[in-house]
Amino acid sequence: MKTLEIIVRRLFFSGSFALAALAVLEKIMNVFHLTLLKGYFTPIRLLEFSAIGLLFTIVMQLHQIRIALGGKTPEFSK
């Protein structure tokens, strides 16, 4: 289970930066009146998806740090 979390975290991290790079490339191409994605996604929408992926990655990393430091996970049944 731990290795699955590491793989998912790395996929989200690299995917977020790939989406950010794609957004920058699309914006540069839009300046020259060209498009890479044929209008399916705007560069702003790609940056939003990238930010969501990075936020998810940060939350997973902070959770792993809390577990490693010996903190207890919160109980939601109270």
N, C-alpha and C. Protein backbone atom coordinates (compact mmCIF):
# COMPACT_ATOMS: atom_id res chain seq x y z
N MET A 1 0.81 -1.19 0.00
CA MET A 1 0.00 0.00 0.00
C MET A 1 0.86 1.26 0.00
N LYS A 2 1.98 1.18 0.72
CA LYS A 2 2.87 2.33 0.80
C LYS A 2 3.49 2.64 -0.56
N THR A 3 3.88 1.60 -1.30
CA THR A 3 4.47 1.83 -2.62
C THR A 3 3.44 2.38 -3.59
N LEU A 4 2.18 1.97 -3.43
CA LEU A 4 1.13 2.51 -4.29
C LEU A 4 0.95 4.01 -4.05
N GLU A 5 1.01 4.43 -2.79
CA GLU A 5 0.91 5.86 -2.48
C GLU A 5 2.07 6.65 -3.08
N ILE A 6 3.26 6.08 -3.02
CA ILE A 6 4.43 6.76 -3.60
C ILE A 6 4.28 6.90 -5.10
N ILE A 7 3.81 5.85 -5.76
CA ILE A 7 3.63 5.90 -7.21
C ILE A 7 2.57 6.92 -7.60
N VAL A 8 1.44 6.91 -6.88
CA VAL A 8 0.37 7.87 -7.18
C VAL A 8 0.84 9.29 -6.95
N ARG A 9 1.58 9.52 -5.87
CA ARG A 9 2.09 10.85 -5.57
C ARG A 9 3.04 11.34 -6.67
N ARG A 10 3.91 10.47 -7.13
CA ARG A 10 4.84 10.86 -8.19
C ARG A 10 4.13 11.11 -9.52
N LEU A 11 3.10 10.29 -9.80
CA LEU A 11 2.33 10.50 -11.03
C LEU A 11 1.60 11.84 -11.01
N PHE A 12 0.97 12.17 -9.89
CA PHE A 12 0.29 13.45 -9.79
C PHE A 12 1.27 14.61 -9.87
N PHE A 13 2.44 14.47 -9.24
CA PHE A 13 3.43 15.53 -9.25
C PHE A 13 3.96 15.77 -10.67
N SER A 14 4.36 14.71 -11.34
CA SER A 14 4.88 14.88 -12.71
C SER A 14 3.78 15.27 -13.68
N GLY A 15 2.58 14.76 -13.48
CA GLY A 15 1.46 15.13 -14.33
C GLY A 15 1.09 16.59 -14.19
N SER A 16 1.19 17.11 -12.98
CA SER A 16 0.88 18.52 -12.75
C SER A 16 1.87 19.43 -13.47
N PHE A 17 3.14 19.07 -13.41
CA PHE A 17 4.12 19.89 -14.12
C PHE A 17 4.02 19.73 -15.63
N ALA A 18 3.61 18.56 -16.09
CA ALA A 18 3.39 18.37 -17.52
C ALA A 18 2.21 19.23 -17.99
N LEU A 19 1.15 19.28 -17.21
CA LEU A 19 0.01 20.13 -17.57
C LEU A 19 0.39 21.61 -17.55
N ALA A 20 1.20 22.01 -16.60
CA ALA A 20 1.64 23.41 -16.55
C ALA A 20 2.50 23.75 -17.77
N ALA A 21 3.38 22.85 -18.15
CA ALA A 21 4.21 23.08 -19.33
C ALA A 21 3.35 23.11 -20.59
N LEU A 22 2.35 22.25 -20.66
CA LEU A 22 1.44 22.24 -21.80
C LEU A 22 0.64 23.54 -21.87
N ALA A 23 0.26 24.08 -20.72
CA ALA A 23 -0.48 25.34 -20.69
C ALA A 23 0.39 26.49 -21.21
N VAL A 24 1.65 26.50 -20.80
CA VAL A 24 2.56 27.54 -21.28
C VAL A 24 2.79 27.41 -22.78
N LEU A 25 2.98 26.20 -23.25
CA LEU A 25 3.18 25.97 -24.68
C LEU A 25 1.94 26.37 -25.48
N GLU A 26 0.76 26.04 -24.98
CA GLU A 26 -0.48 26.41 -25.65
C GLU A 26 -0.66 27.92 -25.70
N LYS A 27 -0.31 28.62 -24.62
CA LYS A 27 -0.42 30.07 -24.60
C LYS A 27 0.54 30.71 -25.59
N ILE A 28 1.75 30.18 -25.68
CA ILE A 28 2.72 30.70 -26.66
C ILE A 28 2.21 30.48 -28.08
N MET A 29 1.65 29.31 -28.32
CA MET A 29 1.11 29.03 -29.66
C MET A 29 -0.11 29.90 -29.96
N ASN A 30 -0.90 30.23 -28.93
CA ASN A 30 -2.06 31.10 -29.15
C ASN A 30 -1.64 32.51 -29.55
N VAL A 31 -0.48 32.95 -29.10
CA VAL A 31 0.02 34.27 -29.48
C VAL A 31 0.24 34.33 -31.00
N PHE A 32 0.65 33.21 -31.58
CA PHE A 32 0.88 33.14 -33.03
C PHE A 32 -0.34 32.63 -33.78
N HIS A 33 -1.51 32.66 -33.13
CA HIS A 33 -2.78 32.23 -33.72
C HIS A 33 -2.77 30.77 -34.15
N LEU A 34 -2.08 29.95 -33.38
CA LEU A 34 -2.07 28.51 -33.58
C LEU A 34 -2.61 27.85 -32.33
N THR A 35 -2.94 26.58 -32.44
CA THR A 35 -3.41 25.86 -31.27
C THR A 35 -2.89 24.44 -31.29
N LEU A 36 -2.66 23.93 -30.13
CA LEU A 36 -2.19 22.56 -29.98
C LEU A 36 -3.34 21.64 -29.59
N LEU A 37 -4.26 22.16 -28.81
CA LEU A 37 -5.35 21.35 -28.28
C LEU A 37 -6.68 21.57 -28.99
N LYS A 38 -6.69 22.35 -30.05
CA LYS A 38 -7.87 22.61 -30.87
C LYS A 38 -9.05 23.16 -30.08
N GLY A 39 -8.76 23.93 -29.05
CA GLY A 39 -9.80 24.60 -28.30
C GLY A 39 -10.51 23.76 -27.26
N TYR A 40 -10.10 22.53 -27.03
CA TYR A 40 -10.75 21.70 -26.03
C TYR A 40 -10.49 22.23 -24.62
N PHE A 41 -9.27 22.64 -24.36
CA PHE A 41 -8.91 23.19 -23.06
C PHE A 41 -8.17 24.49 -23.27
N THR A 42 -8.53 25.49 -22.46
CA THR A 42 -7.80 26.74 -22.51
C THR A 42 -6.57 26.61 -21.59
N PRO A 43 -5.57 27.46 -21.78
CA PRO A 43 -4.40 27.39 -20.90
C PRO A 43 -4.74 27.62 -19.43
N ILE A 44 -5.72 28.47 -19.16
CA ILE A 44 -6.12 28.71 -17.77
C ILE A 44 -6.71 27.44 -17.16
N ARG A 45 -7.51 26.71 -17.93
CA ARG A 45 -8.12 25.48 -17.43
C ARG A 45 -7.03 24.43 -17.15
N LEU A 46 -6.02 24.38 -18.01
CA LEU A 46 -4.91 23.44 -17.78
C LEU A 46 -4.14 23.79 -16.51
N LEU A 47 -3.95 25.09 -16.26
CA LEU A 47 -3.28 25.50 -15.02
C LEU A 47 -4.13 25.18 -13.79
N GLU A 48 -5.46 25.26 -13.93
CA GLU A 48 -6.33 24.88 -12.82
C GLU A 48 -6.18 23.40 -12.49
N PHE A 49 -6.18 22.56 -13.51
CA PHE A 49 -5.99 21.12 -13.30
C PHE A 49 -4.62 20.84 -12.69
N SER A 50 -3.61 21.58 -13.12
CA SER A 50 -2.27 21.42 -12.58
C SER A 50 -2.23 21.79 -11.10
N ALA A 51 -2.89 22.87 -10.74
CA ALA A 51 -2.92 23.30 -9.33
C ALA A 51 -3.66 22.29 -8.45
N ILE A 52 -4.74 21.71 -8.97
CA ILE A 52 -5.47 20.71 -8.21
C ILE A 52 -4.60 19.48 -7.98
N GLY A 53 -3.88 19.05 -9.01
CA GLY A 53 -2.98 17.91 -8.86
C GLY A 53 -1.86 18.17 -7.87
N LEU A 54 -1.29 19.37 -7.90
CA LEU A 54 -0.23 19.72 -6.95
C LEU A 54 -0.77 19.80 -5.52
N LEU A 55 -1.97 20.33 -5.36
CA LEU A 55 -2.56 20.41 -4.04
C LEU A 55 -2.79 19.01 -3.47
N PHE A 56 -3.29 18.11 -4.29
CA PHE A 56 -3.50 16.73 -3.87
C PHE A 56 -2.17 16.07 -3.49
N THR A 57 -1.12 16.34 -4.25
CA THR A 57 0.20 15.79 -3.96
C THR A 57 0.73 16.32 -2.62
N ILE A 58 0.55 17.61 -2.38
CA ILE A 58 1.03 18.21 -1.14
C ILE A 58 0.29 17.62 0.06
N VAL A 59 -1.01 17.43 -0.08
CA VAL A 59 -1.79 16.85 1.02
C VAL A 59 -1.33 15.43 1.32
N MET A 60 -1.09 14.64 0.28
CA MET A 60 -0.62 13.26 0.50
C MET A 60 0.76 13.25 1.15
N GLN A 61 1.63 14.16 0.75
CA GLN A 61 2.97 14.23 1.33
C GLN A 61 2.91 14.65 2.80
N LEU A 62 2.08 15.62 3.12
CA LEU A 62 1.95 16.05 4.52
C LEU A 62 1.36 14.94 5.39
N HIS A 63 0.46 14.16 4.83
CA HIS A 63 -0.08 13.02 5.56
C HIS A 63 1.01 11.99 5.86
N GLN A 64 1.87 11.72 4.89
CA GLN A 64 2.97 10.78 5.11
C GLN A 64 3.97 11.30 6.14
N ILE A 65 4.21 12.61 6.13
CA ILE A 65 5.12 13.20 7.12
C ILE A 65 4.54 13.07 8.52
N ARG A 66 3.23 13.30 8.66
CA ARG A 66 2.60 13.17 9.97
C ARG A 66 2.68 11.74 10.47
N ILE A 67 2.47 10.78 9.60
CA ILE A 67 2.57 9.37 10.00
C ILE A 67 4.01 9.03 10.39
N ALA A 68 4.98 9.54 9.63
CA ALA A 68 6.38 9.24 9.92
C ALA A 68 6.83 9.84 11.25
N LEU A 69 6.27 10.98 11.63
CA LEU A 69 6.63 11.61 12.89
C LEU A 69 5.91 11.01 14.08
N GLY A 70 5.04 10.06 13.83
CA GLY A 70 4.37 9.37 14.91
C GLY A 70 3.05 9.98 15.34
N GLY A 71 2.54 10.90 14.54
CA GLY A 71 1.24 11.48 14.87
C GLY A 71 0.12 10.52 14.56
N LYS A 72 -0.94 10.64 15.28
CA LYS A 72 -2.09 9.78 15.04
C LYS A 72 -2.97 10.39 13.96
N THR A 73 -3.63 9.52 13.22
CA THR A 73 -4.58 10.01 12.24
C THR A 73 -5.86 10.42 12.96
N PRO A 74 -6.54 11.44 12.50
CA PRO A 74 -7.73 11.89 13.22
C PRO A 74 -8.86 10.87 13.13
N GLU A 75 -9.63 10.79 14.21
CA GLU A 75 -10.77 9.89 14.24
C GLU A 75 -12.02 10.70 13.92
N PHE A 76 -12.73 10.29 12.90
CA PHE A 76 -13.92 11.02 12.48
C PHE A 76 -15.18 10.44 13.09
N SER A 77 -15.07 9.41 13.91
CA SER A 77 -16.25 8.77 14.46
C SER A 77 -16.72 9.42 15.75
N LYS A 78 -16.03 10.43 16.23
CA LYS A 78 -16.41 11.08 17.49
C LYS A 78 -17.64 11.92 17.33
